[in-house]
Amino acid sequence: LVFASKPFGTLDANSWEVFLSQRTM
């Protein structure tokens, strides 16, 4: 869940971002 981001390039990199992730926790 990405609250805010500044993407970089044409794929999936970011200059910066803040987000939630759920993997093992």
mmCIF file of all heavy atoms, coordinates in Angstrom:
data_MODEL
# 
_entry.id   MODEL 
# 
loop_
_atom_site.group_PDB 
_atom_site.id 
_atom_site.type_symbol 
_atom_site.label_atom_id 
_atom_site.label_alt_id 
_atom_site.label_comp_id 
_atom_site.label_asym_id 
_atom_site.label_entity_id 
_atom_site.label_seq_id 
_atom_site.pdbx_PDB_ins_code 
_atom_site.Cartn_x 
_atom_site.Cartn_y 
_atom_site.Cartn_z 
_atom_site.occupancy 
_atom_site.B_iso_or_equiv 
_atom_site.pdbx_formal_charge 
_atom_site.auth_seq_id 
_atom_site.auth_comp_id 
_atom_site.auth_asym_id 
_atom_site.auth_atom_id 
_atom_site.pdbx_PDB_model_num 
ATOM 1   N N   . LEU A 1 1  ? 0.877  -1.167  0.000   1.00 0.00 ? 1  LEU A N   1 
ATOM 2   C CA  . LEU A 1 1  ? 0.000  0.000   0.000   1.00 0.00 ? 1  LEU A CA  1 
ATOM 3   C C   . LEU A 1 1  ? 0.912  1.214   0.000   1.00 0.00 ? 1  LEU A C   1 
ATOM 4   O O   . LEU A 1 1  ? 1.616  1.458   0.974   1.00 0.00 ? 1  LEU A O   1 
ATOM 5   C CB  . LEU A 1 1  ? -0.905 0.034   1.243   1.00 0.00 ? 1  LEU A CB  1 
ATOM 6   C CG  . LEU A 1 1  ? -1.965 -1.049  1.411   1.00 0.00 ? 1  LEU A CG  1 
ATOM 7   C CD1 . LEU A 1 1  ? -2.789 -0.768  2.673   1.00 0.00 ? 1  LEU A CD1 1 
ATOM 8   C CD2 . LEU A 1 1  ? -2.878 -1.143  0.201   1.00 0.00 ? 1  LEU A CD2 1 
ATOM 9   N N   . VAL A 1 2  ? 0.908  1.973   -1.084  1.00 0.00 ? 2  VAL A N   1 
ATOM 10  C CA  . VAL A 1 2  ? 1.827  3.093   -1.232  1.00 0.00 ? 2  VAL A CA  1 
ATOM 11  C C   . VAL A 1 2  ? 1.081  4.394   -0.948  1.00 0.00 ? 2  VAL A C   1 
ATOM 12  O O   . VAL A 1 2  ? 0.167  4.766   -1.685  1.00 0.00 ? 2  VAL A O   1 
ATOM 13  C CB  . VAL A 1 2  ? 2.449  3.110   -2.636  1.00 0.00 ? 2  VAL A CB  1 
ATOM 14  C CG1 . VAL A 1 2  ? 3.393  4.297   -2.779  1.00 0.00 ? 2  VAL A CG1 1 
ATOM 15  C CG2 . VAL A 1 2  ? 3.210  1.810   -2.898  1.00 0.00 ? 2  VAL A CG2 1 
ATOM 16  N N   . PHE A 1 3  ? 1.479  5.085   0.110   1.00 0.00 ? 3  PHE A N   1 
ATOM 17  C CA  . PHE A 1 3  ? 0.828  6.334   0.486   1.00 0.00 ? 3  PHE A CA  1 
ATOM 18  C C   . PHE A 1 3  ? 1.302  7.496   -0.376  1.00 0.00 ? 3  PHE A C   1 
ATOM 19  O O   . PHE A 1 3  ? 0.501  8.361   -0.740  1.00 0.00 ? 3  PHE A O   1 
ATOM 20  C CB  . PHE A 1 3  ? 1.069  6.637   1.963   1.00 0.00 ? 3  PHE A CB  1 
ATOM 21  C CG  . PHE A 1 3  ? 0.500  5.602   2.888   1.00 0.00 ? 3  PHE A CG  1 
ATOM 22  C CD1 . PHE A 1 3  ? 1.330  4.748   3.595   1.00 0.00 ? 3  PHE A CD1 1 
ATOM 23  C CD2 . PHE A 1 3  ? -0.871 5.460   3.036   1.00 0.00 ? 3  PHE A CD2 1 
ATOM 24  C CE1 . PHE A 1 3  ? 0.814  3.784   4.430   1.00 0.00 ? 3  PHE A CE1 1 
ATOM 25  C CE2 . PHE A 1 3  ? -1.408 4.493   3.873   1.00 0.00 ? 3  PHE A CE2 1 
ATOM 26  C CZ  . PHE A 1 3  ? -0.557 3.650   4.571   1.00 0.00 ? 3  PHE A CZ  1 
ATOM 27  N N   . ALA A 1 4  ? 2.591  7.541   -0.688  1.00 0.00 ? 4  ALA A N   1 
ATOM 28  C CA  . ALA A 1 4  ? 3.136  8.615   -1.527  1.00 0.00 ? 4  ALA A CA  1 
ATOM 29  C C   . ALA A 1 4  ? 4.413  8.115   -2.169  1.00 0.00 ? 4  ALA A C   1 
ATOM 30  O O   . ALA A 1 4  ? 5.167  7.354   -1.560  1.00 0.00 ? 4  ALA A O   1 
ATOM 31  C CB  . ALA A 1 4  ? 3.403  9.876   -0.709  1.00 0.00 ? 4  ALA A CB  1 
ATOM 32  N N   . SER A 1 5  ? 4.660  8.554   -3.398  1.00 0.00 ? 5  SER A N   1 
ATOM 33  C CA  . SER A 1 5  ? 5.852  8.079   -4.094  1.00 0.00 ? 5  SER A CA  1 
ATOM 34  C C   . SER A 1 5  ? 6.278  9.071   -5.165  1.00 0.00 ? 5  SER A C   1 
ATOM 35  O O   . SER A 1 5  ? 5.455  9.818   -5.705  1.00 0.00 ? 5  SER A O   1 
ATOM 36  C CB  . SER A 1 5  ? 5.590  6.714   -4.745  1.00 0.00 ? 5  SER A CB  1 
ATOM 37  O OG  . SER A 1 5  ? 4.667  6.827   -5.819  1.00 0.00 ? 5  SER A OG  1 
ATOM 38  N N   . LYS A 1 6  ? 7.570  9.053   -5.452  1.00 0.00 ? 6  LYS A N   1 
ATOM 39  C CA  . LYS A 1 6  ? 8.094  9.718   -6.642  1.00 0.00 ? 6  LYS A CA  1 
ATOM 40  C C   . LYS A 1 6  ? 8.867  8.669   -7.424  1.00 0.00 ? 6  LYS A C   1 
ATOM 41  O O   . LYS A 1 6  ? 10.014 8.349   -7.110  1.00 0.00 ? 6  LYS A O   1 
ATOM 42  C CB  . LYS A 1 6  ? 8.996  10.908  -6.318  1.00 0.00 ? 6  LYS A CB  1 
ATOM 43  C CG  . LYS A 1 6  ? 9.285  11.744  -7.580  1.00 0.00 ? 6  LYS A CG  1 
ATOM 44  C CD  . LYS A 1 6  ? 10.076 12.979  -7.320  1.00 0.00 ? 6  LYS A CD  1 
ATOM 45  C CE  . LYS A 1 6  ? 10.046 13.920  -8.513  1.00 0.00 ? 6  LYS A CE  1 
ATOM 46  N NZ  . LYS A 1 6  ? 10.325 13.270  -9.831  1.00 0.00 ? 6  LYS A NZ  1 
ATOM 47  N N   . PRO A 1 7  ? 8.224  8.068   -8.427  1.00 0.00 ? 7  PRO A N   1 
ATOM 48  C CA  . PRO A 1 7  ? 8.874  7.001   -9.185  1.00 0.00 ? 7  PRO A CA  1 
ATOM 49  C C   . PRO A 1 7  ? 10.114 7.494   -9.917  1.00 0.00 ? 7  PRO A C   1 
ATOM 50  O O   . PRO A 1 7  ? 10.294 8.688   -10.166 1.00 0.00 ? 7  PRO A O   1 
ATOM 51  C CB  . PRO A 1 7  ? 7.782  6.561   -10.173 1.00 0.00 ? 7  PRO A CB  1 
ATOM 52  C CG  . PRO A 1 7  ? 6.500  7.018   -9.550  1.00 0.00 ? 7  PRO A CG  1 
ATOM 53  C CD  . PRO A 1 7  ? 6.840  8.280   -8.835  1.00 0.00 ? 7  PRO A CD  1 
ATOM 54  N N   . PHE A 1 8  ? 10.956 6.509   -10.285 1.00 0.00 ? 8  PHE A N   1 
ATOM 55  C CA  . PHE A 1 8  ? 12.158 6.789   -11.066 1.00 0.00 ? 8  PHE A CA  1 
ATOM 56  C C   . PHE A 1 8  ? 12.266 5.737   -12.164 1.00 0.00 ? 8  PHE A C   1 
ATOM 57  O O   . PHE A 1 8  ? 12.143 4.543   -11.915 1.00 0.00 ? 8  PHE A O   1 
ATOM 58  C CB  . PHE A 1 8  ? 13.403 6.740   -10.179 1.00 0.00 ? 8  PHE A CB  1 
ATOM 59  C CG  . PHE A 1 8  ? 14.686 6.951   -10.930 1.00 0.00 ? 8  PHE A CG  1 
ATOM 60  C CD1 . PHE A 1 8  ? 15.092 8.228   -11.279 1.00 0.00 ? 8  PHE A CD1 1 
ATOM 61  C CD2 . PHE A 1 8  ? 15.472 5.872   -11.315 1.00 0.00 ? 8  PHE A CD2 1 
ATOM 62  C CE1 . PHE A 1 8  ? 16.274 8.426   -11.988 1.00 0.00 ? 8  PHE A CE1 1 
ATOM 63  C CE2 . PHE A 1 8  ? 16.648 6.057   -12.018 1.00 0.00 ? 8  PHE A CE2 1 
ATOM 64  C CZ  . PHE A 1 8  ? 17.056 7.342   -12.361 1.00 0.00 ? 8  PHE A CZ  1 
ATOM 65  N N   . GLY A 1 9  ? 12.495 6.192   -13.387 1.00 0.00 ? 9  GLY A N   1 
ATOM 66  C CA  . GLY A 1 9  ? 12.605 5.266   -14.502 1.00 0.00 ? 9  GLY A CA  1 
ATOM 67  C C   . GLY A 1 9  ? 11.255 4.775   -14.980 1.00 0.00 ? 9  GLY A C   1 
ATOM 68  O O   . GLY A 1 9  ? 10.205 5.298   -14.601 1.00 0.00 ? 9  GLY A O   1 
ATOM 69  N N   . THR A 1 10 ? 11.287 3.741   -15.819 1.00 0.00 ? 10 THR A N   1 
ATOM 70  C CA  . THR A 1 10 ? 10.054 3.245   -16.455 1.00 0.00 ? 10 THR A CA  1 
ATOM 71  C C   . THR A 1 10 ? 9.571  1.926   -15.870 1.00 0.00 ? 10 THR A C   1 
ATOM 72  O O   . THR A 1 10 ? 8.540  1.418   -16.307 1.00 0.00 ? 10 THR A O   1 
ATOM 73  C CB  . THR A 1 10 ? 10.287 3.050   -17.962 1.00 0.00 ? 10 THR A CB  1 
ATOM 74  O OG1 . THR A 1 10 ? 11.375 2.112   -18.151 1.00 0.00 ? 10 THR A OG1 1 
ATOM 75  C CG2 . THR A 1 10 ? 10.643 4.368   -18.630 1.00 0.00 ? 10 THR A CG2 1 
ATOM 76  N N   . LEU A 1 11 ? 10.286 1.377   -14.872 1.00 0.00 ? 11 LEU A N   1 
ATOM 77  C CA  . LEU A 1 11 ? 9.888  0.088   -14.322 1.00 0.00 ? 11 LEU A CA  1 
ATOM 78  C C   . LEU A 1 11 ? 9.337  0.253   -12.902 1.00 0.00 ? 11 LEU A C   1 
ATOM 79  O O   . LEU A 1 11 ? 8.241  0.754   -12.732 1.00 0.00 ? 11 LEU A O   1 
ATOM 80  C CB  . LEU A 1 11 ? 11.063 -0.893  -14.378 1.00 0.00 ? 11 LEU A CB  1 
ATOM 81  C CG  . LEU A 1 11 ? 11.565 -1.204  -15.802 1.00 0.00 ? 11 LEU A CG  1 
ATOM 82  C CD1 . LEU A 1 11 ? 12.774 -2.122  -15.763 1.00 0.00 ? 11 LEU A CD1 1 
ATOM 83  C CD2 . LEU A 1 11 ? 10.453 -1.798  -16.653 1.00 0.00 ? 11 LEU A CD2 1 
ATOM 84  N N   . ASP A 1 12 ? 10.104 -0.133  -11.884 1.00 0.00 ? 12 ASP A N   1 
ATOM 85  C CA  . ASP A 1 12 ? 9.535  -0.123  -10.533 1.00 0.00 ? 12 ASP A CA  1 
ATOM 86  C C   . ASP A 1 12 ? 10.440 0.529   -9.492  1.00 0.00 ? 12 ASP A C   1 
ATOM 87  O O   . ASP A 1 12 ? 10.258 0.317   -8.293  1.00 0.00 ? 12 ASP A O   1 
ATOM 88  C CB  . ASP A 1 12 ? 9.192  -1.547  -10.090 1.00 0.00 ? 12 ASP A CB  1 
ATOM 89  C CG  . ASP A 1 12 ? 10.402 -2.484  -10.107 1.00 0.00 ? 12 ASP A CG  1 
ATOM 90  O OD1 . ASP A 1 12 ? 11.506 -2.022  -10.457 1.00 0.00 ? 12 ASP A OD1 1 
ATOM 91  O OD2 . ASP A 1 12 ? 10.239 -3.665  -9.764  1.00 0.00 ? 12 ASP A OD2 1 
ATOM 92  N N   . ALA A 1 13 ? 11.413 1.336   -9.913  1.00 0.00 ? 13 ALA A N   1 
ATOM 93  C CA  . ALA A 1 13 ? 12.262 2.043   -8.953  1.00 0.00 ? 13 ALA A CA  1 
ATOM 94  C C   . ALA A 1 13 ? 11.593 3.336   -8.504  1.00 0.00 ? 13 ALA A C   1 
ATOM 95  O O   . ALA A 1 13 ? 10.655 3.828   -9.139  1.00 0.00 ? 13 ALA A O   1 
ATOM 96  C CB  . ALA A 1 13 ? 13.633 2.336   -9.567  1.00 0.00 ? 13 ALA A CB  1 
ATOM 97  N N   . ASN A 1 14 ? 12.082 3.894   -7.403  1.00 0.00 ? 14 ASN A N   1 
ATOM 98  C CA  . ASN A 1 14 ? 11.533 5.134   -6.855  1.00 0.00 ? 14 ASN A CA  1 
ATOM 99  C C   . ASN A 1 14 ? 12.650 6.020   -6.321  1.00 0.00 ? 14 ASN A C   1 
ATOM 100 O O   . ASN A 1 14 ? 13.567 5.544   -5.653  1.00 0.00 ? 14 ASN A O   1 
ATOM 101 C CB  . ASN A 1 14 ? 10.558 4.847   -5.707  1.00 0.00 ? 14 ASN A CB  1 
ATOM 102 C CG  . ASN A 1 14 ? 9.270  4.221   -6.191  1.00 0.00 ? 14 ASN A CG  1 
ATOM 103 O OD1 . ASN A 1 14 ? 9.199  3.018   -6.386  1.00 0.00 ? 14 ASN A OD1 1 
ATOM 104 N ND2 . ASN A 1 14 ? 8.256  5.034   -6.391  1.00 0.00 ? 14 ASN A ND2 1 
ATOM 105 N N   . SER A 1 15 ? 12.547 7.321   -6.609  1.00 0.00 ? 15 SER A N   1 
ATOM 106 C CA  . SER A 1 15 ? 13.417 8.280   -5.934  1.00 0.00 ? 15 SER A CA  1 
ATOM 107 C C   . SER A 1 15 ? 13.132 8.243   -4.436  1.00 0.00 ? 15 SER A C   1 
ATOM 108 O O   . SER A 1 15 ? 14.056 8.266   -3.616  1.00 0.00 ? 15 SER A O   1 
ATOM 109 C CB  . SER A 1 15 ? 13.201 9.682   -6.497  1.00 0.00 ? 15 SER A CB  1 
ATOM 110 O OG  . SER A 1 15 ? 13.507 9.730   -7.869  1.00 0.00 ? 15 SER A OG  1 
ATOM 111 N N   . TRP A 1 16 ? 11.840 8.203   -4.081  1.00 0.00 ? 16 TRP A N   1 
ATOM 112 C CA  . TRP A 1 16 ? 11.429 8.003   -2.692  1.00 0.00 ? 16 TRP A CA  1 
ATOM 113 C C   . TRP A 1 16 ? 9.990  7.503   -2.655  1.00 0.00 ? 16 TRP A C   1 
ATOM 114 O O   . TRP A 1 16 ? 9.236  7.667   -3.620  1.00 0.00 ? 16 TRP A O   1 
ATOM 115 C CB  . TRP A 1 16 ? 11.586 9.273   -1.846  1.00 0.00 ? 16 TRP A CB  1 
ATOM 116 C CG  . TRP A 1 16 ? 10.913 10.522  -2.361  1.00 0.00 ? 16 TRP A CG  1 
ATOM 117 C CD1 . TRP A 1 16 ? 11.516 11.580  -2.991  1.00 0.00 ? 16 TRP A CD1 1 
ATOM 118 C CD2 . TRP A 1 16 ? 9.516  10.864  -2.296  1.00 0.00 ? 16 TRP A CD2 1 
ATOM 119 N NE1 . TRP A 1 16 ? 10.595 12.546  -3.313  1.00 0.00 ? 16 TRP A NE1 1 
ATOM 120 C CE2 . TRP A 1 16 ? 9.361  12.137  -2.900  1.00 0.00 ? 16 TRP A CE2 1 
ATOM 121 C CE3 . TRP A 1 16 ? 8.394  10.232  -1.798  1.00 0.00 ? 16 TRP A CE3 1 
ATOM 122 C CZ2 . TRP A 1 16 ? 8.117  12.778  -3.002  1.00 0.00 ? 16 TRP A CZ2 1 
ATOM 123 C CZ3 . TRP A 1 16 ? 7.139  10.861  -1.900  1.00 0.00 ? 16 TRP A CZ3 1 
ATOM 124 C CH2 . TRP A 1 16 ? 7.028  12.124  -2.489  1.00 0.00 ? 16 TRP A CH2 1 
ATOM 125 N N   . GLU A 1 17 ? 9.616  6.875   -1.551  1.00 0.00 ? 17 GLU A N   1 
ATOM 126 C CA  . GLU A 1 17 ? 8.249  6.394   -1.355  1.00 0.00 ? 17 GLU A CA  1 
ATOM 127 C C   . GLU A 1 17 ? 8.066  6.030   0.113   1.00 0.00 ? 17 GLU A C   1 
ATOM 128 O O   . GLU A 1 17 ? 9.027  5.780   0.835   1.00 0.00 ? 17 GLU A O   1 
ATOM 129 C CB  . GLU A 1 17 ? 7.943  5.181   -2.237  1.00 0.00 ? 17 GLU A CB  1 
ATOM 130 C CG  . GLU A 1 17 ? 8.866  4.002   -2.003  1.00 0.00 ? 17 GLU A CG  1 
ATOM 131 C CD  . GLU A 1 17 ? 8.598  2.838   -2.936  1.00 0.00 ? 17 GLU A CD  1 
ATOM 132 O OE1 . GLU A 1 17 ? 7.443  2.655   -3.360  1.00 0.00 ? 17 GLU A OE1 1 
ATOM 133 O OE2 . GLU A 1 17 ? 9.558  2.086   -3.230  1.00 0.00 ? 17 GLU A OE2 1 
ATOM 134 N N   . VAL A 1 18 ? 6.817  6.002   0.550   1.00 0.00 ? 18 VAL A N   1 
ATOM 135 C CA  . VAL A 1 18 ? 6.481  5.516   1.887   1.00 0.00 ? 18 VAL A CA  1 
ATOM 136 C C   . VAL A 1 18 ? 5.304  4.563   1.724   1.00 0.00 ? 18 VAL A C   1 
ATOM 137 O O   . VAL A 1 18 ? 4.305  4.893   1.079   1.00 0.00 ? 18 VAL A O   1 
ATOM 138 C CB  . VAL A 1 18 ? 6.165  6.677   2.865   1.00 0.00 ? 18 VAL A CB  1 
ATOM 139 C CG1 . VAL A 1 18 ? 5.043  7.568   2.366   1.00 0.00 ? 18 VAL A CG1 1 
ATOM 140 C CG2 . VAL A 1 18 ? 5.846  6.132   4.247   1.00 0.00 ? 18 VAL A CG2 1 
ATOM 141 N N   . PHE A 1 19 ? 5.434  3.336   2.294   1.00 0.00 ? 19 PHE A N   1 
ATOM 142 C CA  . PHE A 1 19 ? 4.434  2.319   2.014   1.00 0.00 ? 19 PHE A CA  1 
ATOM 143 C C   . PHE A 1 19 ? 4.416  1.236   3.091   1.00 0.00 ? 19 PHE A C   1 
ATOM 144 O O   . PHE A 1 19 ? 5.357  1.095   3.872   1.00 0.00 ? 19 PHE A O   1 
ATOM 145 C CB  . PHE A 1 19 ? 4.691  1.684   0.645   1.00 0.00 ? 19 PHE A CB  1 
ATOM 146 C CG  . PHE A 1 19 ? 6.000  0.952   0.516   1.00 0.00 ? 19 PHE A CG  1 
ATOM 147 C CD1 . PHE A 1 19 ? 6.071  -0.420  0.705   1.00 0.00 ? 19 PHE A CD1 1 
ATOM 148 C CD2 . PHE A 1 19 ? 7.169  1.620   0.186   1.00 0.00 ? 19 PHE A CD2 1 
ATOM 149 C CE1 . PHE A 1 19 ? 7.267  -1.113  0.572   1.00 0.00 ? 19 PHE A CE1 1 
ATOM 150 C CE2 . PHE A 1 19 ? 8.371  0.943   0.042   1.00 0.00 ? 19 PHE A CE2 1 
ATOM 151 C CZ  . PHE A 1 19 ? 8.424  -0.426  0.242   1.00 0.00 ? 19 PHE A CZ  1 
ATOM 152 N N   . LEU A 1 20 ? 3.336  0.466   3.096   1.00 0.00 ? 20 LEU A N   1 
ATOM 153 C CA  . LEU A 1 20 ? 3.216  -0.723  3.924   1.00 0.00 ? 20 LEU A CA  1 
ATOM 154 C C   . LEU A 1 20 ? 3.460  -1.953  3.062   1.00 0.00 ? 20 LEU A C   1 
ATOM 155 O O   . LEU A 1 20 ? 3.059  -1.998  1.897   1.00 0.00 ? 20 LEU A O   1 
ATOM 156 C CB  . LEU A 1 20 ? 1.817  -0.839  4.540   1.00 0.00 ? 20 LEU A CB  1 
ATOM 157 C CG  . LEU A 1 20 ? 1.393  0.194   5.574   1.00 0.00 ? 20 LEU A CG  1 
ATOM 158 C CD1 . LEU A 1 20 ? -0.006 -0.146  6.083   1.00 0.00 ? 20 LEU A CD1 1 
ATOM 159 C CD2 . LEU A 1 20 ? 2.374  0.261   6.724   1.00 0.00 ? 20 LEU A CD2 1 
ATOM 160 N N   . SER A 1 21 ? 4.093  -2.957  3.653   1.00 0.00 ? 21 SER A N   1 
ATOM 161 C CA  . SER A 1 21 ? 4.359  -4.218  2.969   1.00 0.00 ? 21 SER A CA  1 
ATOM 162 C C   . SER A 1 21 ? 4.014  -5.369  3.901   1.00 0.00 ? 21 SER A C   1 
ATOM 163 O O   . SER A 1 21 ? 4.259  -5.289  5.108   1.00 0.00 ? 21 SER A O   1 
ATOM 164 C CB  . SER A 1 21 ? 5.828  -4.314  2.564   1.00 0.00 ? 21 SER A CB  1 
ATOM 165 O OG  . SER A 1 21 ? 6.158  -5.613  2.122   1.00 0.00 ? 21 SER A OG  1 
ATOM 166 N N   . GLN A 1 22 ? 3.451  -6.439  3.350   1.00 0.00 ? 22 GLN A N   1 
ATOM 167 C CA  . GLN A 1 22 ? 3.166  -7.627  4.147   1.00 0.00 ? 22 GLN A CA  1 
ATOM 168 C C   . GLN A 1 22 ? 3.799  -8.845  3.483   1.00 0.00 ? 22 GLN A C   1 
ATOM 169 O O   . GLN A 1 22 ? 3.341  -9.302  2.447   1.00 0.00 ? 22 GLN A O   1 
ATOM 170 C CB  . GLN A 1 22 ? 1.655  -7.846  4.297   1.00 0.00 ? 22 GLN A CB  1 
ATOM 171 C CG  . GLN A 1 22 ? 1.334  -8.982  5.238   1.00 0.00 ? 22 GLN A CG  1 
ATOM 172 C CD  . GLN A 1 22 ? -0.129 -9.103  5.589   1.00 0.00 ? 22 GLN A CD  1 
ATOM 173 O OE1 . GLN A 1 22 ? -0.467 -9.724  6.574   1.00 0.00 ? 22 GLN A OE1 1 
ATOM 174 N NE2 . GLN A 1 22 ? -1.006 -8.515  4.795   1.00 0.00 ? 22 GLN A NE2 1 
ATOM 175 N N   . ARG A 1 23 ? 4.878  -9.310  4.081   1.00 0.00 ? 23 ARG A N   1 
ATOM 176 C CA  . ARG A 1 23 ? 5.532  -10.527 3.620   1.00 0.00 ? 23 ARG A CA  1 
ATOM 177 C C   . ARG A 1 23 ? 5.398  -11.549 4.742   1.00 0.00 ? 23 ARG A C   1 
ATOM 178 O O   . ARG A 1 23 ? 4.353  -12.142 4.931   1.00 0.00 ? 23 ARG A O   1 
ATOM 179 C CB  . ARG A 1 23 ? 6.978  -10.231 3.232   1.00 0.00 ? 23 ARG A CB  1 
ATOM 180 C CG  . ARG A 1 23 ? 7.048  -9.302  2.011   1.00 0.00 ? 23 ARG A CG  1 
ATOM 181 C CD  . ARG A 1 23 ? 8.448  -8.909  1.640   1.00 0.00 ? 23 ARG A CD  1 
ATOM 182 N NE  . ARG A 1 23 ? 8.437  -8.020  0.475   1.00 0.00 ? 23 ARG A NE  1 
ATOM 183 C CZ  . ARG A 1 23 ? 9.492  -7.385  0.011   1.00 0.00 ? 23 ARG A CZ  1 
ATOM 184 N NH1 . ARG A 1 23 ? 10.667 -7.534  0.606   1.00 0.00 ? 23 ARG A NH1 1 
ATOM 185 N NH2 . ARG A 1 23 ? 9.405  -6.604  -1.045  1.00 0.00 ? 23 ARG A NH2 1 
ATOM 186 N N   . THR A 1 24 ? 6.463  -11.783 5.496   1.00 0.00 ? 24 THR A N   1 
ATOM 187 C CA  . THR A 1 24 ? 6.305  -12.636 6.664   1.00 0.00 ? 24 THR A CA  1 
ATOM 188 C C   . THR A 1 24 ? 5.628  -11.893 7.807   1.00 0.00 ? 24 THR A C   1 
ATOM 189 O O   . THR A 1 24 ? 5.070  -12.498 8.712   1.00 0.00 ? 24 THR A O   1 
ATOM 190 C CB  . THR A 1 24 ? 7.669  -13.161 7.137   1.00 0.00 ? 24 THR A CB  1 
ATOM 191 O OG1 . THR A 1 24 ? 8.517  -12.042 7.405   1.00 0.00 ? 24 THR A OG1 1 
ATOM 192 C CG2 . THR A 1 24 ? 8.294  -14.026 6.057   1.00 0.00 ? 24 THR A CG2 1 
ATOM 193 N N   . MET A 1 25 ? 5.691  -10.570 7.772   1.00 0.00 ? 25 MET A N   1 
ATOM 194 C CA  . MET A 1 25 ? 5.023  -9.732  8.760   1.00 0.00 ? 25 MET A CA  1 
ATOM 195 C C   . MET A 1 25 ? 4.747  -8.380  8.107   1.00 0.00 ? 25 MET A C   1 
ATOM 196 O O   . MET A 1 25 ? 5.284  -8.066  7.038   1.00 0.00 ? 25 MET A O   1 
ATOM 197 C CB  . MET A 1 25 ? 5.869  -9.556  10.020  1.00 0.00 ? 25 MET A CB  1 
ATOM 198 C CG  . MET A 1 25 ? 7.204  -8.900  9.783   1.00 0.00 ? 25 MET A CG  1 
ATOM 199 S SD  . MET A 1 25 ? 8.252  -8.895  11.269  1.00 0.00 ? 25 MET A SD  1 
ATOM 200 C CE  . MET A 1 25 ? 8.548  -10.653 11.471  1.00 0.00 ? 25 MET A CE  1 
# 
